[in-house]
């Protein structure tokens, strides 16, 4: 189960309540920073933008590919470890707006993680150190350290021990 905090709403769906949950100008600023970073080829500049303007925790030598879309409402809830690669067009969400509630959850991506292109990471997920997420994966639950996962819904393809044993042959 993902670690999210649930906030019930009444009347209209939760997205109609968005500016009661997050300030409008924060979303505007975050959206602008994210759009600038999505298109810049300078990895160090992206990490600086994310750390300074979005208050994200980003480890040294982490690489965000072109077109990575971060949560524009709650990017400060995203932590990415050292020497990690986030693939092209990946989306990382820290919120979900549903009909009767909205949910917020921290996203923690460990050190030396590889996330393939076009993946989506949902709120409240922890991806362990050394994990590999196959391209196009919907990460809807935790990924154990060193595991290789993929698919929609995501499933474990190899555990850390199975990967190690295969590399020995």
C-alpha atoms as a PDB file:
ATOM      1  CA  UNK A   1       0.000   0.000   0.000  1.00  0.00           C
ATOM      2  CA  UNK A   2       1.280   3.455  -0.878  1.00  0.00           C
ATOM      3  CA  UNK A   3       1.893   5.907   1.941  1.00  0.00           C
ATOM      4  CA  UNK A   4      -0.503   8.759   1.239  1.00  0.00           C
ATOM      5  CA  UNK A   5      -2.520  11.049   3.451  1.00  0.00           C
ATOM      6  CA  UNK A   6      -6.173  11.227   2.431  1.00  0.00           C
ATOM      7  CA  UNK A   7      -8.201  14.458   2.556  1.00  0.00           C
ATOM      8  CA  UNK A   8     -11.951  14.089   1.954  1.00  0.00           C
ATOM      9  CA  UNK A   9     -13.870  16.832   0.126  1.00  0.00           C
ATOM     10  CA  UNK A  10     -17.545  17.647  -0.165  1.00  0.00           C
ATOM     11  CA  UNK A  11     -19.643  18.919  -3.058  1.00  0.00           C
ATOM     12  CA  UNK A  12     -17.549  19.160  -6.233  1.00  0.00           C
ATOM     13  CA  UNK A  13     -14.659  16.827  -7.060  1.00  0.00           C
ATOM     14  CA  UNK A  14     -11.370  17.466  -5.283  1.00  0.00           C
ATOM     15  CA  UNK A  15      -9.714  19.254  -8.215  1.00  0.00           C
ATOM     16  CA  UNK A  16     -12.291  22.033  -7.851  1.00  0.00           C
ATOM     17  CA  UNK A  17     -10.759  22.582  -4.392  1.00  0.00           C
ATOM     18  CA  UNK A  18      -7.183  22.782  -5.720  1.00  0.00           C
ATOM     19  CA  UNK A  19      -6.425  26.353  -4.625  1.00  0.00           C
ATOM     20  CA  UNK A  20      -7.620  25.579  -1.116  1.00  0.00           C
ATOM     21  CA  UNK A  21      -4.872  22.928  -0.982  1.00  0.00           C
ATOM     22  CA  UNK A  22      -2.014  24.738  -2.740  1.00  0.00           C
ATOM     23  CA  UNK A  23      -1.491  28.472  -3.426  1.00  0.00           C
ATOM     24  CA  UNK A  24      -2.133  29.569  -7.017  1.00  0.00           C
ATOM     25  CA  UNK A  25       1.150  31.512  -7.340  1.00  0.00           C
ATOM     26  CA  UNK A  26       3.138  28.538  -6.039  1.00  0.00           C
ATOM     27  CA  UNK A  27       1.698  26.403  -8.845  1.00  0.00           C
ATOM     28  CA  UNK A  28       2.445  29.115 -11.440  1.00  0.00           C
ATOM     29  CA  UNK A  29       6.075  29.455 -10.253  1.00  0.00           C
ATOM     30  CA  UNK A  30       6.595  25.688 -10.058  1.00  0.00           C
ATOM     31  CA  UNK A  31       5.082  25.150 -13.499  1.00  0.00           C
ATOM     32  CA  UNK A  32       7.417  27.747 -15.024  1.00  0.00           C
ATOM     33  CA  UNK A  33      10.505  26.249 -13.372  1.00  0.00           C
ATOM     34  CA  UNK A  34       9.531  22.724 -14.399  1.00  0.00           C
ATOM     35  CA  UNK A  35       8.884  23.759 -18.005  1.00  0.00           C
ATOM     36  CA  UNK A  36      12.262  25.518 -18.196  1.00  0.00           C
ATOM     37  CA  UNK A  37      14.006  22.460 -16.745  1.00  0.00           C
ATOM     38  CA  UNK A  38      12.163  20.017 -19.025  1.00  0.00           C
ATOM     39  CA  UNK A  39      13.764  21.559 -22.097  1.00  0.00           C
ATOM     40  CA  UNK A  40      17.235  22.466 -20.851  1.00  0.00           C
ATOM     41  CA  UNK A  41      20.039  20.053 -21.779  1.00  0.00           C
ATOM     42  CA  UNK A  42      22.176  21.189 -18.818  1.00  0.00           C
ATOM     43  CA  UNK A  43      21.892  18.552 -16.080  1.00  0.00           C
ATOM     44  CA  UNK A  44      23.567  20.639 -13.380  1.00  0.00           C
ATOM     45  CA  UNK A  45      21.238  23.538 -14.101  1.00  0.00           C
ATOM     46  CA  UNK A  46      18.176  21.283 -13.803  1.00  0.00           C
ATOM     47  CA  UNK A  47      19.300  19.990 -10.417  1.00  0.00           C
ATOM     48  CA  UNK A  48      19.994  23.546  -9.231  1.00  0.00           C
ATOM     49  CA  UNK A  49      16.543  24.712 -10.369  1.00  0.00           C
ATOM     50  CA  UNK A  50      14.879  21.787  -8.616  1.00  0.00           C
ATOM     51  CA  UNK A  51      16.813  22.298  -5.371  1.00  0.00           C
ATOM     52  CA  UNK A  52      16.554  26.095  -5.177  1.00  0.00           C
ATOM     53  CA  UNK A  53      13.125  26.897  -6.617  1.00  0.00           C
ATOM     54  CA  UNK A  54      11.171  23.674  -5.990  1.00  0.00           C
ATOM     55  CA  UNK A  55      12.807  22.734  -2.652  1.00  0.00           C
ATOM     56  CA  UNK A  56      13.360  19.164  -3.870  1.00  0.00           C
ATOM     57  CA  UNK A  57      16.090  16.981  -2.417  1.00  0.00           C
ATOM     58  CA  UNK A  58      18.256  15.922  -5.368  1.00  0.00           C
ATOM     59  CA  UNK A  59      21.494  13.949  -4.926  1.00  0.00           C
ATOM     60  CA  UNK A  60      24.793  14.742  -6.614  1.00  0.00           C
ATOM     61  CA  UNK A  61      25.274  13.566 -10.201  1.00  0.00           C
ATOM     62  CA  UNK A  62      21.609  12.716 -10.629  1.00  0.00           C
ATOM     63  CA  UNK A  63      20.394  13.066 -14.215  1.00  0.00           C
ATOM     64  CA  UNK A  64      16.898  14.108 -15.257  1.00  0.00           C
ATOM     65  CA  UNK A  65      16.411  13.480 -18.992  1.00  0.00           C
ATOM     66  CA  UNK A  66      14.557  15.850 -21.286  1.00  0.00           C
ATOM     67  CA  UNK A  67      10.803  16.201 -20.743  1.00  0.00           C
ATOM     68  CA  UNK A  68      10.676  14.794 -17.189  1.00  0.00           C
ATOM     69  CA  UNK A  69       7.461  16.108 -15.620  1.00  0.00           C
ATOM     70  CA  UNK A  70       7.562  16.672 -11.883  1.00  0.00           C
ATOM     71  CA  UNK A  71       4.589  17.318  -9.660  1.00  0.00           C
ATOM     72  CA  UNK A  72       3.940  21.051 -10.098  1.00  0.00           C
ATOM     73  CA  UNK A  73       1.860  21.342  -6.931  1.00  0.00           C
ATOM     74  CA  UNK A  74       4.010  19.521  -4.369  1.00  0.00           C
ATOM     75  CA  UNK A  75       7.532  19.019  -5.783  1.00  0.00           C
ATOM     76  CA  UNK A  76       9.024  19.459  -2.308  1.00  0.00           C
ATOM     77  CA  UNK A  77       7.617  16.005  -1.495  1.00  0.00           C
ATOM     78  CA  UNK A  78      10.000  14.395  -4.041  1.00  0.00           C
ATOM     79  CA  UNK A  79      13.442  13.117  -3.019  1.00  0.00           C
ATOM     80  CA  UNK A  80      15.911  11.652  -5.516  1.00  0.00           C
ATOM     81  CA  UNK A  81      19.182  10.076  -4.407  1.00  0.00           C
ATOM     82  CA  UNK A  82      22.726  10.297  -5.734  1.00  0.00           C
ATOM     83  CA  UNK A  83      23.802   9.158  -9.219  1.00  0.00           C
ATOM     84  CA  UNK A  84      20.266   8.289 -10.327  1.00  0.00           C
ATOM     85  CA  UNK A  85      18.914   8.495 -13.891  1.00  0.00           C
ATOM     86  CA  UNK A  86      15.313   9.554 -14.534  1.00  0.00           C
ATOM     87  CA  UNK A  87      14.408   8.665 -18.129  1.00  0.00           C
ATOM     88  CA  UNK A  88      12.839  10.751 -20.887  1.00  0.00           C
ATOM     89  CA  UNK A  89       9.234  11.868 -20.356  1.00  0.00           C
ATOM     90  CA  UNK A  90       8.891  10.280 -16.920  1.00  0.00           C
ATOM     91  CA  UNK A  91       6.190  11.711 -14.633  1.00  0.00           C
ATOM     92  CA  UNK A  92       6.660  11.861 -10.856  1.00  0.00           C
ATOM     93  CA  UNK A  93       3.530  12.702  -8.858  1.00  0.00           C
ATOM     94  CA  UNK A  94       3.174  13.549  -5.162  1.00  0.00           C
ATOM     95  CA  UNK A  95      -0.578  14.171  -5.342  1.00  0.00           C
ATOM     96  CA  UNK A  96      -3.781  12.580  -6.640  1.00  0.00           C
ATOM     97  CA  UNK A  97      -7.011  14.523  -7.047  1.00  0.00           C
ATOM     98  CA  UNK A  98      -9.968  12.137  -7.050  1.00  0.00           C
ATOM     99  CA  UNK A  99     -13.746  12.605  -6.921  1.00  0.00           C
ATOM    100  CA  UNK A 100     -14.377  12.464  -3.154  1.00  0.00           C
ATOM    101  CA  UNK A 101     -10.832  13.065  -1.852  1.00  0.00           C
ATOM    102  CA  UNK A 102      -7.322  14.089  -2.675  1.00  0.00           C
ATOM    103  CA  UNK A 103      -4.177  12.314  -1.527  1.00  0.00           C
ATOM    104  CA  UNK A 104      -0.648  13.534  -0.876  1.00  0.00           C
ATOM    105  CA  UNK A 105       2.422  11.352  -0.439  1.00  0.00           C
ATOM    106  CA  UNK A 106       6.197  11.579  -0.393  1.00  0.00           C
ATOM    107  CA  UNK A 107       8.100  10.006  -3.277  1.00  0.00           C
ATOM    108  CA  UNK A 108      11.543   8.701  -2.387  1.00  0.00           C
ATOM    109  CA  UNK A 109      13.857   7.471  -5.135  1.00  0.00           C
ATOM    110  CA  UNK A 110      17.099   5.947  -3.850  1.00  0.00           C
ATOM    111  CA  UNK A 111      20.726   6.136  -4.945  1.00  0.00           C
ATOM    112  CA  UNK A 112      21.880   4.699  -8.282  1.00  0.00           C
ATOM    113  CA  UNK A 113      18.353   4.016  -9.495  1.00  0.00           C
ATOM    114  CA  UNK A 114      17.555   3.784 -13.210  1.00  0.00           C
ATOM    115  CA  UNK A 115      14.047   4.778 -14.275  1.00  0.00           C
ATOM    116  CA  UNK A 116      13.254   4.050 -17.917  1.00  0.00           C
ATOM    117  CA  UNK A 117      11.572   6.465 -20.310  1.00  0.00           C
ATOM    118  CA  UNK A 118       7.838   7.153 -20.164  1.00  0.00           C
ATOM    119  CA  UNK A 119       7.391   5.773 -16.649  1.00  0.00           C
ATOM    120  CA  UNK A 120       4.910   7.177 -14.130  1.00  0.00           C
ATOM    121  CA  UNK A 121       5.613   7.201 -10.409  1.00  0.00           C
ATOM    122  CA  UNK A 122       2.597   7.643  -8.141  1.00  0.00           C
ATOM    123  CA  UNK A 123       2.563   9.361  -4.731  1.00  0.00           C
ATOM    124  CA  UNK A 124       3.614   7.527  -1.587  1.00  0.00           C
ATOM    125  CA  UNK A 125       6.133   5.244  -3.303  1.00  0.00           C
ATOM    126  CA  UNK A 126       9.699   4.366  -2.259  1.00  0.00           C
ATOM    127  CA  UNK A 127      12.115   3.062  -4.888  1.00  0.00           C
ATOM    128  CA  UNK A 128      15.083   1.383  -3.209  1.00  0.00           C
ATOM    129  CA  UNK A 129      18.773   1.923  -3.932  1.00  0.00           C
ATOM    130  CA  UNK A 130      20.057   0.273  -7.103  1.00  0.00           C
ATOM    131  CA  UNK A 131      16.601  -0.550  -8.477  1.00  0.00           C
ATOM    132  CA  UNK A 132      15.860  -0.578 -12.201  1.00  0.00           C
ATOM    133  CA  UNK A 133      12.423   0.477 -13.479  1.00  0.00           C
ATOM    134  CA  UNK A 134      11.727  -0.634 -17.049  1.00  0.00           C
ATOM    135  CA  UNK A 135      10.523   1.911 -19.617  1.00  0.00           C
ATOM    136  CA  UNK A 136       6.782   2.566 -19.596  1.00  0.00           C
ATOM    137  CA  UNK A 137       6.224   1.272 -16.063  1.00  0.00           C
ATOM    138  CA  UNK A 138       3.450   2.497 -13.758  1.00  0.00           C
ATOM    139  CA  UNK A 139       5.107   2.477 -10.323  1.00  0.00           C
ATOM    140  CA  UNK A 140       2.117   2.060  -8.013  1.00  0.00           C
ATOM    141  CA  UNK A 141       3.867   0.409  -5.067  1.00  0.00           C
ATOM    142  CA  UNK A 142       7.292   0.279  -3.442  1.00  0.00           C
ATOM    143  CA  UNK A 143      10.243  -1.135  -5.379  1.00  0.00           C
ATOM    144  CA  UNK A 144      12.719  -3.158  -3.280  1.00  0.00           C
ATOM    145  CA  UNK A 145      16.392  -2.163  -3.373  1.00  0.00           C
ATOM    146  CA  UNK A 146      18.212  -3.759  -6.304  1.00  0.00           C
ATOM    147  CA  UNK A 147      15.060  -5.123  -7.940  1.00  0.00           C
ATOM    148  CA  UNK A 148      14.268  -4.930 -11.646  1.00  0.00           C
ATOM    149  CA  UNK A 149      10.590  -4.067 -12.185  1.00  0.00           C
ATOM    150  CA  UNK A 150       8.369  -3.321 -15.150  1.00  0.00           C
ATOM    151  CA  UNK A 151       4.921  -3.314 -16.636  1.00  0.00           C
ATOM    152  CA  UNK A 152       1.471  -1.918 -16.037  1.00  0.00           C
ATOM    153  CA  UNK A 153       0.620  -2.912 -13.430  1.00  0.00           C
ATOM    154  CA  UNK A 154       4.195  -3.017 -12.210  1.00  0.00           C
ATOM    155  CA  UNK A 155       5.574  -6.359 -11.154  1.00  0.00           C
ATOM    156  CA  UNK A 156       8.960  -7.559  -9.977  1.00  0.00           C
ATOM    157  CA  UNK A 157      10.851  -9.186 -12.845  1.00  0.00           C
ATOM    158  CA  UNK A 158      14.000  -9.964 -10.838  1.00  0.00           C
ATOM    159  CA  UNK A 159      14.838  -9.455  -7.192  1.00  0.00           C
ATOM    160  CA  UNK A 160      18.283  -8.178  -6.217  1.00  0.00           C
ATOM    161  CA  UNK A 161      19.464 -11.746  -5.492  1.00  0.00           C
ATOM    162  CA  UNK A 162      18.101 -13.120  -8.782  1.00  0.00           C
ATOM    163  CA  UNK A 163      19.818 -10.291 -10.704  1.00  0.00           C
ATOM    164  CA  UNK A 164      23.111 -10.977  -8.924  1.00  0.00           C
ATOM    165  CA  UNK A 165      22.904 -14.707  -9.681  1.00  0.00           C
ATOM    166  CA  UNK A 166      22.216 -14.046 -13.373  1.00  0.00           C
ATOM    167  CA  UNK A 167      25.202 -11.692 -13.632  1.00  0.00           C
ATOM    168  CA  UNK A 168      27.502 -14.412 -12.297  1.00  0.00           C
ATOM    169  CA  UNK A 169      26.841 -16.746 -15.261  1.00  0.00           C
END
